[in-house]
Amino acid sequence: MRSKIGIVLDIFILVIGPWILYTRIIEIMERGVSVYPVISIIIISLAIAFSIYNLYLALSSRQQRNPKK
């Protein structure tokens, strides 16, 4: 069973993640490529992908438990 706090955290990642990606890309464009922004981009991209996957699983399991009548 998915917890409500997990769903809230997934939504938070989806809201704040693109902003972090944007700021890291701007940082790379201004200062050049370095290790920290690249690692940050990889980690945030994975977090966004897993958040989307977890929310998809939560919604699909909810629909299976409560079919339309």
PDB file of N, CA and C in Angstrom:
ATOM      1  N   MET A   1       0.842  -1.184   0.000  1.00  0.00           N
ATOM      2  CA  MET A   1       0.000   0.000   0.000  1.00  0.00           C
ATOM      3  C   MET A   1       0.884   1.242   0.000  1.00  0.00           C
ATOM      4  N   ARG A   2       0.548   2.169  -0.822  1.00  0.00           N
ATOM      5  CA  ARG A   2       1.287   3.424  -0.908  1.00  0.00           C
ATOM      6  C   ARG A   2       0.836   4.351   0.212  1.00  0.00           C
ATOM      7  N   SER A   3       1.800   5.007   0.825  1.00  0.00           N
ATOM      8  CA  SER A   3       1.431   5.936   1.884  1.00  0.00           C
ATOM      9  C   SER A   3       1.153   7.314   1.295  1.00  0.00           C
ATOM     10  N   LYS A   4       0.366   8.082   2.025  1.00  0.00           N
ATOM     11  CA  LYS A   4       0.027   9.422   1.551  1.00  0.00           C
ATOM     12  C   LYS A   4       1.241  10.336   1.567  1.00  0.00           C
ATOM     13  N   ILE A   5       2.142  10.144   2.539  1.00  0.00           N
ATOM     14  CA  ILE A   5       3.337  10.970   2.591  1.00  0.00           C
ATOM     15  C   ILE A   5       4.249  10.679   1.391  1.00  0.00           C
ATOM     16  N   GLY A   6       4.271   9.444   0.933  1.00  0.00           N
ATOM     17  CA  GLY A   6       5.059   9.093  -0.247  1.00  0.00           C
ATOM     18  C   GLY A   6       4.524   9.770  -1.498  1.00  0.00           C
ATOM     19  N   ILE A   7       3.208   9.815  -1.611  1.00  0.00           N
ATOM     20  CA  ILE A   7       2.585  10.471  -2.756  1.00  0.00           C
ATOM     21  C   ILE A   7       2.865  11.968  -2.716  1.00  0.00           C
ATOM     22  N   VAL A   8       2.808  12.552  -1.523  1.00  0.00           N
ATOM     23  CA  VAL A   8       3.099  13.981  -1.379  1.00  0.00           C
ATOM     24  C   VAL A   8       4.552  14.262  -1.741  1.00  0.00           C
ATOM     25  N   LEU A   9       5.462  13.405  -1.330  1.00  0.00           N
ATOM     26  CA  LEU A   9       6.873  13.594  -1.666  1.00  0.00           C
ATOM     27  C   LEU A   9       7.107  13.459  -3.170  1.00  0.00           C
ATOM     28  N   ASP A  10       6.421  12.529  -3.806  1.00  0.00           N
ATOM     29  CA  ASP A  10       6.539  12.388  -5.259  1.00  0.00           C
ATOM     30  C   ASP A  10       6.055  13.652  -5.970  1.00  0.00           C
ATOM     31  N   ILE A  11       4.946  14.201  -5.521  1.00  0.00           N
ATOM     32  CA  ILE A  11       4.435  15.430  -6.129  1.00  0.00           C
ATOM     33  C   ILE A  11       5.403  16.583  -5.879  1.00  0.00           C
ATOM     34  N   PHE A  12       5.987  16.647  -4.690  1.00  0.00           N
ATOM     35  CA  PHE A  12       6.970  17.681  -4.379  1.00  0.00           C
ATOM     36  C   PHE A  12       8.180  17.582  -5.304  1.00  0.00           C
ATOM     37  N   ILE A  13       8.650  16.371  -5.557  1.00  0.00           N
ATOM     38  CA  ILE A  13       9.775  16.178  -6.470  1.00  0.00           C
ATOM     39  C   ILE A  13       9.405  16.630  -7.877  1.00  0.00           C
ATOM     40  N   LEU A  14       8.179  16.346  -8.303  1.00  0.00           N
ATOM     41  CA  LEU A  14       7.750  16.766  -9.633  1.00  0.00           C
ATOM     42  C   LEU A  14       7.622  18.280  -9.748  1.00  0.00           C
ATOM     43  N   VAL A  15       7.345  18.953  -8.634  1.00  0.00           N
ATOM     44  CA  VAL A  15       7.217  20.411  -8.660  1.00  0.00           C
ATOM     45  C   VAL A  15       8.592  21.075  -8.602  1.00  0.00           C
ATOM     46  N   ILE A  16       9.464  20.617  -7.715  1.00  0.00           N
ATOM     47  CA  ILE A  16      10.737  21.280  -7.481  1.00  0.00           C
ATOM     48  C   ILE A  16      11.841  20.763  -8.420  1.00  0.00           C
ATOM     49  N   GLY A  17      11.716  19.539  -8.912  1.00  0.00           N
ATOM     50  CA  GLY A  17      12.748  18.933  -9.752  1.00  0.00           C
ATOM     51  C   GLY A  17      13.072  19.706 -11.017  1.00  0.00           C
ATOM     52  N   PRO A  18      12.081  20.083 -11.820  1.00  0.00           N
ATOM     53  CA  PRO A  18      12.397  20.829 -13.045  1.00  0.00           C
ATOM     54  C   PRO A  18      13.086  22.170 -12.768  1.00  0.00           C
ATOM     55  N   TRP A  19      12.751  22.803 -11.657  1.00  0.00           N
ATOM     56  CA  TRP A  19      13.414  24.055 -11.306  1.00  0.00           C
ATOM     57  C   TRP A  19      14.899  23.823 -10.999  1.00  0.00           C
ATOM     58  N   ILE A  20      15.207  22.742 -10.293  1.00  0.00           N
ATOM     59  CA  ILE A  20      16.597  22.404  -9.997  1.00  0.00           C
ATOM     60  C   ILE A  20      17.344  22.087 -11.282  1.00  0.00           C
ATOM     61  N   LEU A  21      16.718  21.323 -12.177  1.00  0.00           N
ATOM     62  CA  LEU A  21      17.352  21.019 -13.464  1.00  0.00           C
ATOM     63  C   LEU A  21      17.641  22.300 -14.238  1.00  0.00           C
ATOM     64  N   TYR A  22      16.689  23.208 -14.257  1.00  0.00           N
ATOM     65  CA  TYR A  22      16.861  24.476 -14.972  1.00  0.00           C
ATOM     66  C   TYR A  22      18.034  25.264 -14.408  1.00  0.00           C
ATOM     67  N   THR A  23      18.114  25.367 -13.082  1.00  0.00           N
ATOM     68  CA  THR A  23      19.206  26.140 -12.490  1.00  0.00           C
ATOM     69  C   THR A  23      20.562  25.489 -12.742  1.00  0.00           C
ATOM     70  N   ARG A  24      20.629  24.171 -12.737  1.00  0.00           N
ATOM     71  CA  ARG A  24      21.904  23.487 -13.017  1.00  0.00           C
ATOM     72  C   ARG A  24      22.323  23.669 -14.472  1.00  0.00           C
ATOM     73  N   ILE A  25      21.376  23.651 -15.381  1.00  0.00           N
ATOM     74  CA  ILE A  25      21.710  23.861 -16.793  1.00  0.00           C
ATOM     75  C   ILE A  25      22.200  25.282 -17.008  1.00  0.00           C
ATOM     76  N   ILE A  26      21.566  26.248 -16.365  1.00  0.00           N
ATOM     77  CA  ILE A  26      22.027  27.636 -16.457  1.00  0.00           C
ATOM     78  C   ILE A  26      23.433  27.765 -15.874  1.00  0.00           C
ATOM     79  N   GLU A  27      23.678  27.090 -14.754  1.00  0.00           N
ATOM     80  CA  GLU A  27      25.005  27.122 -14.135  1.00  0.00           C
ATOM     81  C   GLU A  27      26.062  26.543 -15.062  1.00  0.00           C
ATOM     82  N   ILE A  28      25.741  25.453 -15.748  1.00  0.00           N
ATOM     83  CA  ILE A  28      26.683  24.860 -16.692  1.00  0.00           C
ATOM     84  C   ILE A  28      26.936  25.806 -17.860  1.00  0.00           C
ATOM     85  N   MET A  29      25.890  26.476 -18.331  1.00  0.00           N
ATOM     86  CA  MET A  29      26.059  27.403 -19.454  1.00  0.00           C
ATOM     87  C   MET A  29      26.923  28.602 -19.065  1.00  0.00           C
ATOM     88  N   GLU A  30      26.813  29.069 -17.831  1.00  0.00           N
ATOM     89  CA  GLU A  30      27.569  30.244 -17.400  1.00  0.00           C
ATOM     90  C   GLU A  30      29.000  29.912 -17.004  1.00  0.00           C
ATOM     91  N   ARG A  31      29.192  28.818 -16.269  1.00  0.00           N
ATOM     92  CA  ARG A  31      30.506  28.508 -15.704  1.00  0.00           C
ATOM     93  C   ARG A  31      31.240  27.380 -16.403  1.00  0.00           C
ATOM     94  N   GLY A  32      30.589  26.700 -17.290  1.00  0.00           N
ATOM     95  CA  GLY A  32      31.205  25.549 -17.936  1.00  0.00           C
ATOM     96  C   GLY A  32      30.862  24.268 -17.193  1.00  0.00           C
ATOM     97  N   VAL A  33      31.218  23.171 -17.787  1.00  0.00           N
ATOM     98  CA  VAL A  33      30.879  21.857 -17.245  1.00  0.00           C
ATOM     99  C   VAL A  33      31.795  21.547 -16.060  1.00  0.00           C
ATOM    100  N   SER A  34      31.178  21.133 -14.955  1.00  0.00           N
ATOM    101  CA  SER A  34      31.925  20.620 -13.812  1.00  0.00           C
ATOM    102  C   SER A  34      31.171  19.418 -13.250  1.00  0.00           C
ATOM    103  N   VAL A  35      31.798  18.760 -12.316  1.00  0.00           N
ATOM    104  CA  VAL A  35      31.257  17.483 -11.838  1.00  0.00           C
ATOM    105  C   VAL A  35      29.952  17.658 -11.075  1.00  0.00           C
ATOM    106  N   TYR A  36      29.884  18.597 -10.140  1.00  0.00           N
ATOM    107  CA  TYR A  36      28.715  18.726  -9.270  1.00  0.00           C
ATOM    108  C   TYR A  36      27.412  18.982 -10.036  1.00  0.00           C
ATOM    109  N   PRO A  37      27.370  19.945 -10.965  1.00  0.00           N
ATOM    110  CA  PRO A  37      26.092  20.142 -11.678  1.00  0.00           C
ATOM    111  C   PRO A  37      25.671  18.931 -12.522  1.00  0.00           C
ATOM    112  N   VAL A  38      26.638  18.241 -13.104  1.00  0.00           N
ATOM    113  CA  VAL A  38      26.304  17.076 -13.931  1.00  0.00           C
ATOM    114  C   VAL A  38      25.743  15.947 -13.066  1.00  0.00           C
ATOM    115  N   ILE A  39      26.376  15.696 -11.926  1.00  0.00           N
ATOM    116  CA  ILE A  39      25.871  14.666 -11.017  1.00  0.00           C
ATOM    117  C   ILE A  39      24.493  15.056 -10.496  1.00  0.00           C
ATOM    118  N   SER A  40      24.306  16.333 -10.195  1.00  0.00           N
ATOM    119  CA  SER A  40      23.016  16.821  -9.725  1.00  0.00           C
ATOM    120  C   SER A  40      21.929  16.608 -10.777  1.00  0.00           C
ATOM    121  N   ILE A  41      22.242  16.878 -12.025  1.00  0.00           N
ATOM    122  CA  ILE A  41      21.276  16.674 -13.111  1.00  0.00           C
ATOM    123  C   ILE A  41      20.896  15.205 -13.229  1.00  0.00           C
ATOM    124  N   ILE A  42      21.872  14.317 -13.125  1.00  0.00           N
ATOM    125  CA  ILE A  42      21.597  12.883 -13.229  1.00  0.00           C
ATOM    126  C   ILE A  42      20.705  12.424 -12.078  1.00  0.00           C
ATOM    127  N   ILE A  43      21.029  12.841 -10.859  1.00  0.00           N
ATOM    128  CA  ILE A  43      20.259  12.404  -9.690  1.00  0.00           C
ATOM    129  C   ILE A  43      18.833  12.949  -9.734  1.00  0.00           C
ATOM    130  N   ILE A  44      18.678  14.215 -10.069  1.00  0.00           N
ATOM    131  CA  ILE A  44      17.332  14.804 -10.124  1.00  0.00           C
ATOM    132  C   ILE A  44      16.519  14.180 -11.255  1.00  0.00           C
ATOM    133  N   SER A  45      17.153  13.892 -12.379  1.00  0.00           N
ATOM    134  CA  SER A  45      16.430  13.233 -13.478  1.00  0.00           C
ATOM    135  C   SER A  45      15.923  11.858 -13.057  1.00  0.00           C
ATOM    136  N   LEU A  46      16.753  11.099 -12.351  1.00  0.00           N
ATOM    137  CA  LEU A  46      16.310   9.797 -11.850  1.00  0.00           C
ATOM    138  C   LEU A  46      15.177   9.940 -10.836  1.00  0.00           C
ATOM    139  N   ALA A  47      15.276  10.935  -9.963  1.00  0.00           N
ATOM    140  CA  ALA A  47      14.224  11.155  -8.971  1.00  0.00           C
ATOM    141  C   ALA A  47      12.904  11.495  -9.648  1.00  0.00           C
ATOM    142  N   ILE A  48      12.949  12.322 -10.679  1.00  0.00           N
ATOM    143  CA  ILE A  48      11.723  12.672 -11.408  1.00  0.00           C
ATOM    144  C   ILE A  48      11.136  11.443 -12.091  1.00  0.00           C
ATOM    145  N   ALA A  49      12.006  10.633 -12.701  1.00  0.00           N
ATOM    146  CA  ALA A  49      11.523   9.423 -13.377  1.00  0.00           C
ATOM    147  C   ALA A  49      10.866   8.460 -12.387  1.00  0.00           C
ATOM    148  N   PHE A  50      11.488   8.233 -11.240  1.00  0.00           N
ATOM    149  CA  PHE A  50      10.902   7.338 -10.242  1.00  0.00           C
ATOM    150  C   PHE A  50       9.624   7.918  -9.645  1.00  0.00           C
ATOM    151  N   SER A  51       9.551   9.228  -9.509  1.00  0.00           N
ATOM    152  CA  SER A  51       8.331   9.860  -8.993  1.00  0.00           C
ATOM    153  C   SER A  51       7.166   9.642  -9.946  1.00  0.00           C
ATOM    154  N   ILE A  52       7.421   9.822 -11.224  1.00  0.00           N
ATOM    155  CA  ILE A  52       6.375   9.596 -12.227  1.00  0.00           C
ATOM    156  C   ILE A  52       5.932   8.136 -12.188  1.00  0.00           C
ATOM    157  N   TYR A  53       6.890   7.219 -12.095  1.00  0.00           N
ATOM    158  CA  TYR A  53       6.573   5.789 -12.047  1.00  0.00           C
ATOM    159  C   TYR A  53       5.756   5.447 -10.800  1.00  0.00           C
ATOM    160  N   ASN A  54       6.159   5.969  -9.641  1.00  0.00           N
ATOM    161  CA  ASN A  54       5.427   5.691  -8.399  1.00  0.00           C
ATOM    162  C   ASN A  54       4.014   6.258  -8.435  1.00  0.00           C
ATOM    163  N   LEU A  55       3.852   7.459  -8.956  1.00  0.00           N
ATOM    164  CA  LEU A  55       2.512   8.032  -9.059  1.00  0.00           C
ATOM    165  C   LEU A  55       1.646   7.238 -10.036  1.00  0.00           C
ATOM    166  N   TYR A  56       2.235   6.768 -11.122  1.00  0.00           N
ATOM    167  CA  TYR A  56       1.504   5.931 -12.074  1.00  0.00           C
ATOM    168  C   TYR A  56       1.033   4.642 -11.395  1.00  0.00           C
ATOM    169  N   LEU A  57       1.922   4.008 -10.632  1.00  0.00           N
ATOM    170  CA  LEU A  57       1.536   2.782  -9.934  1.00  0.00           C
ATOM    171  C   LEU A  57       0.441   3.053  -8.904  1.00  0.00           C
ATOM    172  N   ALA A  58       0.535   4.159  -8.196  1.00  0.00           N
ATOM    173  CA  ALA A  58      -0.473   4.490  -7.189  1.00  0.00           C
ATOM    174  C   ALA A  58      -1.828   4.724  -7.843  1.00  0.00           C
ATOM    175  N   LEU A  59      -1.843   5.450  -8.960  1.00  0.00           N
ATOM    176  CA  LEU A  59      -3.113   5.714  -9.638  1.00  0.00           C
ATOM    177  C   LEU A  59      -3.699   4.447 -10.250  1.00  0.00           C
ATOM    178  N   SER A  60      -2.854   3.606 -10.831  1.00  0.00           N
ATOM    179  CA  SER A  60      -3.384   2.387 -11.444  1.00  0.00           C
ATOM    180  C   SER A  60      -3.898   1.416 -10.387  1.00  0.00           C
ATOM    181  N   SER A  61      -3.228   1.338  -9.238  1.00  0.00           N
ATOM    182  CA  SER A  61      -3.740   0.451  -8.189  1.00  0.00           C
ATOM    183  C   SER A  61      -5.037   0.980  -7.586  1.00  0.00           C
ATOM    184  N   ARG A  62      -5.157   2.295  -7.514  1.00  0.00           N
ATOM    185  CA  ARG A  62      -6.402   2.882  -6.992  1.00  0.00           C
ATOM    186  C   ARG A  62      -7.558   2.591  -7.943  1.00  0.00           C
ATOM    187  N   GLN A  63      -7.315   2.670  -9.258  1.00  0.00           N
ATOM    188  CA  GLN A  63      -8.370   2.394 -10.228  1.00  0.00           C
ATOM    189  C   GLN A  63      -8.763   0.928 -10.218  1.00  0.00           C
ATOM    190  N   GLN A  64      -7.814   0.040  -9.965  1.00  0.00           N
ATOM    191  CA  GLN A  64      -8.141  -1.386  -9.916  1.00  0.00           C
ATOM    192  C   GLN A  64      -8.964  -1.738  -8.688  1.00  0.00           C
ATOM    193  N   ARG A  65      -8.714  -1.037  -7.576  1.00  0.00           N
ATOM    194  CA  ARG A  65      -9.466  -1.306  -6.348  1.00  0.00           C
ATOM    195  C   ARG A  65     -10.880  -0.732  -6.435  1.00  0.00           C
ATOM    196  N   ASN A  66     -11.052   0.393  -7.118  1.00  0.00           N
ATOM    197  CA  ASN A  66     -12.348   1.053  -7.211  1.00  0.00           C
ATOM    198  C   ASN A  66     -12.806   1.154  -8.671  1.00  0.00           C
ATOM    199  N   PRO A  67     -13.265   0.040  -9.234  1.00  0.00           N
ATOM    200  CA  PRO A  67     -13.724   0.110 -10.633  1.00  0.00           C
ATOM    201  C   PRO A  67     -15.004   0.933 -10.747  1.00  0.00           C
ATOM    202  N   LYS A  68     -15.171   1.531 -11.917  1.00  0.00           N
ATOM    203  CA  LYS A  68     -16.393   2.317 -12.157  1.00  0.00           C
ATOM    204  C   LYS A  68     -17.594   1.384 -12.209  1.00  0.00           C
ATOM    205  N   LYS A  69     -18.677   1.844 -11.610  1.00  0.00           N
ATOM    206  CA  LYS A  69     -19.885   1.004 -11.544  1.00  0.00           C
ATOM    207  C   LYS A  69     -20.851   1.353 -12.640  1.00  0.00           C
TER     208      LYS A  69
END
